Protein backbone atom coordinates (compact mmCIF):
# COMPACT_ATOMS: atom_id res chain seq x y z
CA MET A 1 0.02 0.02 -0.05
CA THR A 2 2.76 2.40 0.87
CA LEU A 3 4.36 1.71 -2.60
CA ALA A 4 1.33 2.13 -4.31
CA GLY A 5 0.75 5.39 -2.43
CA LEU A 6 4.08 6.58 -3.47
CA SER A 7 3.63 5.70 -7.03
CA MET A 8 0.45 7.44 -7.10
CA ALA A 9 1.85 10.62 -5.66
CA LEU A 10 4.64 10.37 -8.23
CA MET A 11 2.32 10.03 -11.17
CA VAL A 12 0.28 13.12 -10.06
CA ALA A 13 3.54 15.13 -9.46
CA THR A 14 4.75 14.32 -13.16
CA GLY A 15 1.45 14.41 -14.70
CA ASP A 16 1.26 10.87 -15.62
CA GLY A 17 -1.99 9.42 -14.57
CA VAL A 18 -3.38 12.63 -13.32
CA ALA A 19 -6.69 12.09 -15.08
CA PHE A 20 -7.19 9.09 -12.74
CA ALA A 21 -6.34 10.81 -9.69
CA LEU A 22 -8.46 14.08 -10.44
CA GLY A 23 -11.12 12.73 -12.58
CA GLY A 24 -9.90 14.85 -15.38
CA ARG A 25 -9.63 18.73 -15.87
CA ILE A 26 -10.34 21.66 -18.32
CA GLY A 27 -7.42 23.57 -19.59
CA VAL A 28 -7.96 27.14 -19.89
CA VAL A 29 -5.69 29.50 -21.68
CA GLU A 30 -5.74 33.13 -22.40
CA VAL A 31 -5.46 35.52 -25.21
CA ASP A 32 -5.38 38.99 -23.55
CA GLY A 33 -4.68 42.36 -24.89
CA VAL A 34 -3.18 43.23 -28.43
CA ILE A 35 -1.77 40.18 -30.12
CA ALA A 36 1.94 40.99 -30.96
CA ASP A 37 3.56 37.67 -30.86
CA ASP A 38 2.39 33.94 -30.32
CA GLU A 39 5.31 32.73 -28.26
CA GLU A 40 3.46 32.92 -24.89
CA PHE A 41 0.24 31.26 -26.02
CA ILE A 42 2.20 28.30 -27.62
CA GLU A 43 4.21 28.03 -24.39
CA ASP A 44 0.96 27.70 -22.41
CA ILE A 45 -0.45 25.16 -24.61
CA ARG A 46 2.81 23.01 -24.53
CA GLU A 47 2.72 23.30 -20.74
CA LEU A 48 -0.81 21.96 -20.50
CA GLU A 49 -0.50 19.26 -23.21
CA ARG A 50 2.17 17.64 -20.70
CA ASP A 51 -0.51 17.44 -18.08
CA GLY A 52 -2.19 14.27 -18.36
CA SER A 53 -5.36 15.38 -16.59
CA VAL A 54 -6.64 17.89 -19.40
CA ARG A 55 -9.72 16.48 -20.98
CA GLY A 56 -10.80 19.62 -22.89
CA TRP A 57 -9.76 23.22 -23.72
CA VAL A 58 -11.27 26.68 -23.19
CA VAL A 59 -9.66 29.64 -24.79
CA ALA A 60 -10.57 32.83 -22.82
CA ILE A 61 -10.23 35.76 -25.38
CA ASN A 62 -10.18 39.47 -24.48
CA SER A 63 -8.43 40.97 -27.55
CA PRO A 64 -8.99 43.65 -30.17
CA GLY A 65 -6.60 41.71 -32.41
CA GLY A 66 -3.20 42.59 -33.43
CA VAL A 67 -0.37 41.50 -35.95
CA VAL A 68 -1.67 39.21 -38.69
CA ALA A 69 0.97 36.38 -38.57
CA PRO A 70 0.71 35.71 -34.71
CA SER A 71 -3.02 35.71 -34.99
CA GLN A 72 -2.96 33.04 -37.77
CA SER A 73 -0.51 31.14 -35.82
CA ILE A 74 -2.47 30.92 -32.63
CA TYR A 75 -5.47 29.84 -34.78
CA GLN A 76 -3.44 27.19 -36.23
CA GLU A 77 -2.38 25.83 -32.67
CA LEU A 78 -6.10 25.72 -31.87
CA ARG A 79 -6.94 23.70 -34.93
CA LYS A 80 -4.12 21.23 -34.09
CA LEU A 81 -5.64 20.63 -30.70
CA ARG A 82 -8.93 20.03 -32.46
CA GLU A 83 -7.59 17.65 -34.99
CA GLN A 84 -5.22 15.50 -32.76
CA ASP A 85 -7.91 13.88 -30.57
CA ASP A 86 -11.54 14.03 -29.61
CA ARG A 87 -11.06 16.53 -26.81
CA PRO A 88 -13.14 19.78 -26.98
CA VAL A 89 -11.72 23.18 -27.89
CA LEU A 90 -14.26 26.16 -26.95
CA ALA A 91 -13.51 29.84 -27.34
CA SER A 92 -15.04 32.35 -24.93
CA ILE A 93 -15.16 35.87 -26.11
CA GLY A 94 -15.17 38.35 -23.16
CA SER A 95 -15.26 42.06 -23.45
CA VAL A 96 -13.84 41.98 -27.00
CA GLY A 97 -12.70 39.42 -29.38
CA ALA A 98 -12.58 41.29 -32.81
CA SER A 99 -10.53 40.95 -35.69
CA GLY A 100 -7.38 38.88 -34.88
CA GLY A 101 -9.13 38.05 -31.58
CA TYR A 102 -12.04 36.72 -33.64
CA TYR A 103 -9.45 35.09 -36.11
CA VAL A 104 -8.11 33.11 -33.03
CA ALA A 105 -11.66 32.08 -31.93
CA LEU A 106 -12.12 30.35 -35.36
CA GLY A 107 -9.60 27.54 -34.35
CA ALA A 108 -12.11 26.49 -31.67
CA ASP A 109 -14.78 23.80 -32.12
CA SER A 110 -17.33 26.30 -30.79
CA ILE A 111 -17.55 30.02 -29.85
CA LEU A 112 -19.28 31.61 -26.99
CA ALA A 113 -19.79 35.29 -26.54
CA LEU A 114 -21.72 37.49 -24.11
CA PRO A 115 -24.71 39.58 -25.58
CA GLY A 116 -22.70 42.67 -25.42
CA SER A 117 -19.25 41.50 -26.32
CA ILE A 118 -17.64 43.19 -29.33
CA THR A 119 -16.59 40.92 -31.98
CA GLY A 120 -16.38 40.90 -35.79
CA SER A 121 -14.18 43.55 -37.40
CA ILE A 122 -13.22 41.31 -40.26
CA GLY A 123 -10.70 43.28 -42.13
CA VAL A 124 -7.10 44.34 -42.56
CA ILE A 125 -5.25 47.35 -41.95
CA MET A 126 -1.78 48.77 -42.61
CA GLU A 127 -0.72 52.25 -41.26
CA LEU A 128 2.40 54.00 -42.44
CA PRO A 129 3.81 57.09 -41.11
CA ASN A 130 5.02 59.87 -43.49
CA VAL A 131 7.67 62.07 -41.76
CA SER A 132 9.12 63.78 -44.90
CA GLY A 133 7.35 66.98 -44.18
CA LEU A 134 8.82 67.17 -40.70
CA MET A 135 12.33 66.34 -41.94
CA ASP A 136 12.16 69.15 -44.69
CA LYS A 137 11.39 71.64 -41.89
CA VAL A 138 14.51 70.54 -39.90
CA GLY A 139 16.70 70.18 -42.87
CA VAL A 140 17.25 66.47 -42.49
CA GLU A 141 17.36 64.24 -45.93
CA MET A 142 17.54 60.59 -46.03
CA GLN A 143 19.86 59.34 -48.75
CA VAL A 144 18.91 55.91 -50.14
CA VAL A 145 20.68 53.46 -52.34
CA LYS A 146 18.49 50.53 -53.50
CA SER A 147 18.48 47.62 -55.87
CA GLY A 148 14.78 48.07 -57.15
CA ALA A 149 12.04 50.68 -57.20
CA GLN A 150 10.12 49.14 -54.46
CA LYS A 151 12.88 48.00 -52.09
CA ASP A 152 12.05 51.00 -49.73
CA LEU A 153 8.31 50.41 -50.06
CA GLY A 154 6.50 52.08 -47.16
CA SER A 155 9.29 54.06 -46.10
CA PRO A 156 8.53 56.86 -43.72
CA PHE A 157 10.96 59.23 -45.39
CA ARG A 158 9.08 59.78 -48.64
CA ALA A 159 5.54 60.01 -49.70
CA MET A 160 3.58 56.93 -51.06
CA GLY A 161 3.27 56.98 -54.65
CA PRO A 162 0.40 55.31 -56.93
CA GLU A 163 2.69 52.23 -57.66
CA ASP A 164 3.36 52.03 -53.87
CA ARG A 165 -0.06 51.99 -53.19
CA ALA A 166 -1.10 49.58 -55.60
CA VAL A 167 1.49 47.09 -54.47
CA LEU A 168 0.54 47.49 -50.87
CA GLY A 169 -3.25 47.34 -51.67
CA GLU A 170 -2.82 44.09 -53.56
CA MET A 171 -1.15 42.64 -50.55
CA VAL A 172 -3.80 43.87 -48.10
CA GLU A 173 -6.43 42.49 -50.31
CA ASP A 174 -4.85 38.88 -50.34
CA VAL A 175 -4.63 38.82 -46.63
CA HIS A 176 -8.20 40.09 -46.38
CA ALA A 177 -9.16 37.13 -48.70
CA GLN A 178 -7.33 34.80 -46.22
CA PHE A 179 -9.44 36.10 -43.32
CA VAL A 180 -12.74 35.70 -45.36
CA GLU A 181 -11.76 32.19 -46.55
CA THR A 182 -11.04 31.14 -42.83
CA VAL A 183 -14.19 32.44 -41.45
CA ALA A 184 -16.16 30.93 -44.49
CA LEU A 185 -14.41 27.47 -43.93
CA GLU A 186 -14.80 27.33 -39.94
CA ARG A 187 -18.33 28.87 -39.69
CA ARG A 188 -19.54 26.86 -42.84
CA LEU A 189 -20.77 30.14 -44.58
CA SER A 190 -20.46 31.06 -48.28
CA PRO A 191 -17.59 33.58 -48.98
CA GLU A 192 -20.33 35.80 -50.43
CA GLN A 193 -22.06 35.67 -47.01
CA VAL A 194 -18.81 36.40 -45.22
CA ARG A 195 -17.90 39.34 -47.57
CA MET A 196 -21.02 41.05 -46.72
CA LEU A 197 -19.80 41.21 -43.11
CA ALA A 198 -16.05 41.57 -43.84
CA ASP A 199 -15.95 45.57 -44.31
CA GLY A 200 -14.29 45.94 -41.03
CA ARG A 201 -17.70 46.37 -39.07
CA ILE A 202 -18.04 45.49 -35.36
CA LEU A 203 -20.82 43.31 -34.11
CA SER A 204 -22.22 42.64 -30.72
CA GLY A 205 -22.24 39.08 -29.47
CA ARG A 206 -25.97 38.75 -29.98
CA GLN A 207 -25.71 40.02 -33.58
CA ALA A 208 -22.74 37.61 -34.23
CA VAL A 209 -24.77 34.79 -33.17
CA GLN A 210 -27.77 35.92 -35.38
CA ARG A 211 -25.31 36.28 -38.44
CA GLY A 212 -23.54 32.66 -37.73
CA LEU A 213 -20.22 33.95 -36.73
CA VAL A 214 -20.68 32.88 -33.02
CA ASP A 215 -22.44 29.74 -31.84
CA ARG A 216 -24.08 30.66 -28.74
CA LEU A 217 -24.33 33.28 -25.99
CA GLY A 218 -22.50 32.61 -22.56
CA ASN A 219 -19.80 33.77 -20.28
CA LEU A 220 -16.47 31.83 -19.48
CA GLU A 221 -17.92 29.82 -16.65
CA GLU A 222 -20.56 28.40 -19.05
CA ALA A 223 -17.90 27.60 -21.74
CA ILE A 224 -16.07 25.78 -19.10
CA ALA A 225 -19.08 23.95 -17.90
CA LEU A 226 -20.01 23.12 -21.62
CA ALA A 227 -16.30 21.95 -22.22
CA GLY A 228 -16.72 19.64 -19.23
CA GLU A 229 -20.13 17.99 -20.53
CA MET A 230 -18.66 17.49 -23.85
CA ALA A 231 -15.42 15.89 -22.34
CA GLY A 232 -17.51 13.77 -20.29
CA ILE A 233 -16.29 15.00 -16.83
CA GLY A 234 -19.39 16.87 -16.00
CA SER A 235 -20.82 20.45 -16.00
CA ASP A 236 -18.49 21.58 -12.78
CA PRO A 237 -15.08 20.38 -13.83
CA ARG A 238 -11.83 21.31 -12.15
CA ILE A 239 -9.71 23.67 -14.31
CA VAL A 240 -6.00 24.06 -14.77
CA ARG A 241 -4.34 27.12 -15.92
CA PRO A 242 -0.63 27.48 -17.27
CA PRO A 243 1.78 28.17 -14.44
CA ARG A 244 2.99 31.94 -14.49
CA GLU A 245 6.49 33.17 -13.58
CA ARG A 246 6.81 35.56 -10.73
CA GLU A 247 6.69 39.02 -12.11
CA SER A 248 9.46 41.50 -11.02
CA LEU A 249 8.73 44.49 -9.11
CA LEU A 250 9.22 46.68 -12.21
CA GLU A 251 6.69 44.49 -14.20
CA ARG A 252 4.02 44.78 -11.39
CA MET A 253 4.53 48.52 -10.96
CA LEU A 254 4.16 48.89 -14.87
CA LEU A 255 0.97 46.47 -14.86
CA GLY A 256 2.70 43.49 -16.46
CA ARG A 257 5.02 42.09 -19.09
CA THR A 258 3.10 43.53 -21.90
CA ALA A 259 3.91 47.09 -20.47
CA ILE A 260 7.68 45.91 -20.31
CA ARG A 261 7.70 44.83 -24.06
CA ALA A 262 6.00 48.29 -25.04
CA LEU A 263 8.69 50.13 -22.92
CA GLY A 264 11.40 48.10 -24.98
CA THR A 265 10.23 49.70 -28.00
CA LEU A 266 11.00 53.07 -27.06
CA GLY A 267 14.64 52.32 -27.55
CA ASP A 268 14.17 52.23 -31.28
CA PRO A 269 12.56 55.56 -32.59
CA LEU A 270 11.59 53.89 -35.87
CA GLY A 271 10.46 50.79 -34.51
CA GLY A 272 6.83 51.39 -35.18
CA MET A 273 7.59 52.70 -38.71
CA SER A 274 7.79 49.42 -40.63
CA PRO A 275 5.07 48.15 -42.76
CA VAL A 276 3.07 45.83 -40.49
CA LEU A 277 -0.24 44.03 -41.63
CA LYS A 278 -2.69 43.94 -38.69
CA TYR A 279 -6.11 42.30 -37.94
CA ILE A 280 -6.98 44.72 -35.38
CA MET A 281 -10.08 46.68 -34.39
CA HIS A 282 -9.45 50.59 -33.81
């Protein structure tokens, strides 16, 4: 009996056999704030995948979207979870799950939102500053040597010409088409139905349900309960979240790691001037 007890304790500690010890749990991961990268989310998923007790997943989304590529990457990670076994994957939209935040939700089996959640905003945007007028005033000129006419495309040091706008516009339209295709695929809608909603407009959670972009109304707790029922562990399941490293005093004073990352960009005065495609709600 002593050996059996020690073996069970070891299995619980290492994650092996935890489902037997705890009856299964729902893994809850978050997509919170502007989506700038996918690293933290993927780390969270990998951490919980090592936990043998996880019988289903809920992604809690509170995001207006962000950069296109990380939004697509997080979506793909959720699709992998759906495809690798029969564990349910649900998305719960809180205050806002729009543009890239909604794109992420499309990776789940089912999407829940509150009646007053802000969602939709299916569209792409690229914003490019033009500081050439300011540089003229202060007498500074940027000398450029380039291998082709479009090599400095999107440069903040010159005005955008018609050819520049045409090239960038074609790329924006292609990335917008990718969004439309993903919505049509995951929501079982025709591309024509999606295009009618894909002009960047925002929707309430209730409007999104009526238009087929969201499955049902409900909060995070209801999403967890539904995931538990779908996983066969009941409507009041235990949950497990990824462990968080202890934040430093500076991080707590600045309200978290996101603020630290933003502070880091201040060292690069031109860091925000590069062309970046965004699925984001303004």
